[in-house]
């Protein structure tokens, strides 16, 4: 979701991947048995770098 419209992608093959740039709301769902999500980043995880509330996300988008 880019704040304006939502798109859905089905990653139903092990060789599929999806790049999600910053300031896009994403939701992961419908994992099959024994599947996993691999997150690749150039920075260490920091809880404060993430927005957990969709309304807060939309507010930050409108401020830009």
C-alpha atoms as a PDB file:
ATOM      1  CA  UNK A   1       0.000   0.000   0.000  1.00  0.00           C
ATOM      2  CA  UNK A   2       1.517   3.313  -1.013  1.00  0.00           C
ATOM      3  CA  UNK A   3      -1.025   5.392   0.911  1.00  0.00           C
ATOM      4  CA  UNK A   4      -3.214   5.719  -2.160  1.00  0.00           C
ATOM      5  CA  UNK A   5      -3.777   2.229  -3.522  1.00  0.00           C
ATOM      6  CA  UNK A   6      -3.109  -1.351  -2.508  1.00  0.00           C
ATOM      7  CA  UNK A   7      -1.533  -4.097  -4.590  1.00  0.00           C
ATOM      8  CA  UNK A   8      -1.338  -7.803  -3.766  1.00  0.00           C
ATOM      9  CA  UNK A   9       1.357 -10.214  -4.880  1.00  0.00           C
ATOM     10  CA  UNK A  10       1.338 -13.990  -4.616  1.00  0.00           C
ATOM     11  CA  UNK A  11       4.813 -15.425  -4.176  1.00  0.00           C
ATOM     12  CA  UNK A  12       3.966 -19.068  -4.784  1.00  0.00           C
ATOM     13  CA  UNK A  13       7.358 -20.266  -6.024  1.00  0.00           C
ATOM     14  CA  UNK A  14      10.549 -20.602  -3.995  1.00  0.00           C
ATOM     15  CA  UNK A  15      12.484 -18.579  -6.574  1.00  0.00           C
ATOM     16  CA  UNK A  16      10.123 -15.550  -6.452  1.00  0.00           C
ATOM     17  CA  UNK A  17      11.066 -12.442  -4.521  1.00  0.00           C
ATOM     18  CA  UNK A  18       9.624  -8.988  -4.053  1.00  0.00           C
ATOM     19  CA  UNK A  19      11.469  -5.733  -3.385  1.00  0.00           C
ATOM     20  CA  UNK A  20       9.516  -3.326  -1.183  1.00  0.00           C
ATOM     21  CA  UNK A  21      10.988   0.202  -0.987  1.00  0.00           C
ATOM     22  CA  UNK A  22      10.761   2.319   2.132  1.00  0.00           C
ATOM     23  CA  UNK A  23       7.482   4.060   2.984  1.00  0.00           C
ATOM     24  CA  UNK A  24       5.316   1.286   1.567  1.00  0.00           C
ATOM     25  CA  UNK A  25       2.943  -0.478   3.950  1.00  0.00           C
ATOM     26  CA  UNK A  26       3.250  -4.228   3.635  1.00  0.00           C
ATOM     27  CA  UNK A  27       1.391  -7.145   5.136  1.00  0.00           C
ATOM     28  CA  UNK A  28       2.572 -10.760   5.021  1.00  0.00           C
ATOM     29  CA  UNK A  29      -0.123 -13.423   5.082  1.00  0.00           C
ATOM     30  CA  UNK A  30      -1.078 -16.955   3.980  1.00  0.00           C
ATOM     31  CA  UNK A  31       2.231 -18.664   4.605  1.00  0.00           C
ATOM     32  CA  UNK A  32       2.197 -22.318   3.631  1.00  0.00           C
ATOM     33  CA  UNK A  33       3.610 -25.030   5.898  1.00  0.00           C
ATOM     34  CA  UNK A  34       7.418 -24.874   6.211  1.00  0.00           C
ATOM     35  CA  UNK A  35       7.639 -21.550   4.356  1.00  0.00           C
ATOM     36  CA  UNK A  36       9.586 -18.516   5.574  1.00  0.00           C
ATOM     37  CA  UNK A  37      10.131 -14.844   4.912  1.00  0.00           C
ATOM     38  CA  UNK A  38      13.689 -13.681   4.251  1.00  0.00           C
ATOM     39  CA  UNK A  39      14.320 -10.033   4.981  1.00  0.00           C
ATOM     40  CA  UNK A  40      17.530  -8.595   3.514  1.00  0.00           C
ATOM     41  CA  UNK A  41      18.789  -5.272   4.823  1.00  0.00           C
ATOM     42  CA  UNK A  42      21.994  -3.261   4.913  1.00  0.00           C
ATOM     43  CA  UNK A  43      21.292  -2.152   8.512  1.00  0.00           C
ATOM     44  CA  UNK A  44      20.837  -3.918  11.823  1.00  0.00           C
ATOM     45  CA  UNK A  45      17.280  -4.296  13.090  1.00  0.00           C
ATOM     46  CA  UNK A  46      16.021  -1.383  15.175  1.00  0.00           C
ATOM     47  CA  UNK A  47      12.445  -1.525  16.514  1.00  0.00           C
ATOM     48  CA  UNK A  48      12.131   2.269  16.256  1.00  0.00           C
ATOM     49  CA  UNK A  49      12.683   2.175  12.483  1.00  0.00           C
ATOM     50  CA  UNK A  50       9.295   0.508  11.944  1.00  0.00           C
ATOM     51  CA  UNK A  51       5.762   1.888  11.881  1.00  0.00           C
ATOM     52  CA  UNK A  52       3.257  -0.558  13.380  1.00  0.00           C
ATOM     53  CA  UNK A  53       0.047   1.453  12.900  1.00  0.00           C
ATOM     54  CA  UNK A  54      -1.482   2.066   9.455  1.00  0.00           C
ATOM     55  CA  UNK A  55      -3.063   5.380  10.494  1.00  0.00           C
ATOM     56  CA  UNK A  56       0.337   6.634  11.681  1.00  0.00           C
ATOM     57  CA  UNK A  57       1.818   5.496   8.357  1.00  0.00           C
ATOM     58  CA  UNK A  58      -0.765   7.511   6.382  1.00  0.00           C
ATOM     59  CA  UNK A  59      -0.140  10.537   8.580  1.00  0.00           C
ATOM     60  CA  UNK A  60       3.610  10.376   7.910  1.00  0.00           C
ATOM     61  CA  UNK A  61       2.978  10.066   4.158  1.00  0.00           C
ATOM     62  CA  UNK A  62       0.806  13.201   4.199  1.00  0.00           C
ATOM     63  CA  UNK A  63       3.540  15.156   5.985  1.00  0.00           C
ATOM     64  CA  UNK A  64       5.975  14.566   3.098  1.00  0.00           C
END
